[in-house]
């Protein structure tokens, strides 16, 4: 029996709304927040060891992620200061570039 609802259109509408809501929540919850490396590794790196995060993310991608002149999301120094929202966006876009199977 045919349905009265076009399932493809309904799925597309729901996907769009969920995506929009997720973007709003990300911006609302993370905008202006900074993380320590401990918070970053818990939120974005499957809680890998701090040394693993430095070796396989922060060091290899330093040219791309180091904060200067309004670009990047990691301030390098005695400790790492990480801009939460920008870090999450970068991790989402570059997830496949990270060797998640790498060992210390």
Foldseek 3Di string as FASTA:
>chain_A
DDDPDDPVVVVVVVVVVVVVVVVVCLCVVQPPDKDFLQVCCVVQPVSDDSVLCCVFPCVVCVVQADDDPRHHAWDDDPTIIGRPSVSVVVCVVCVVVTPSVDDD
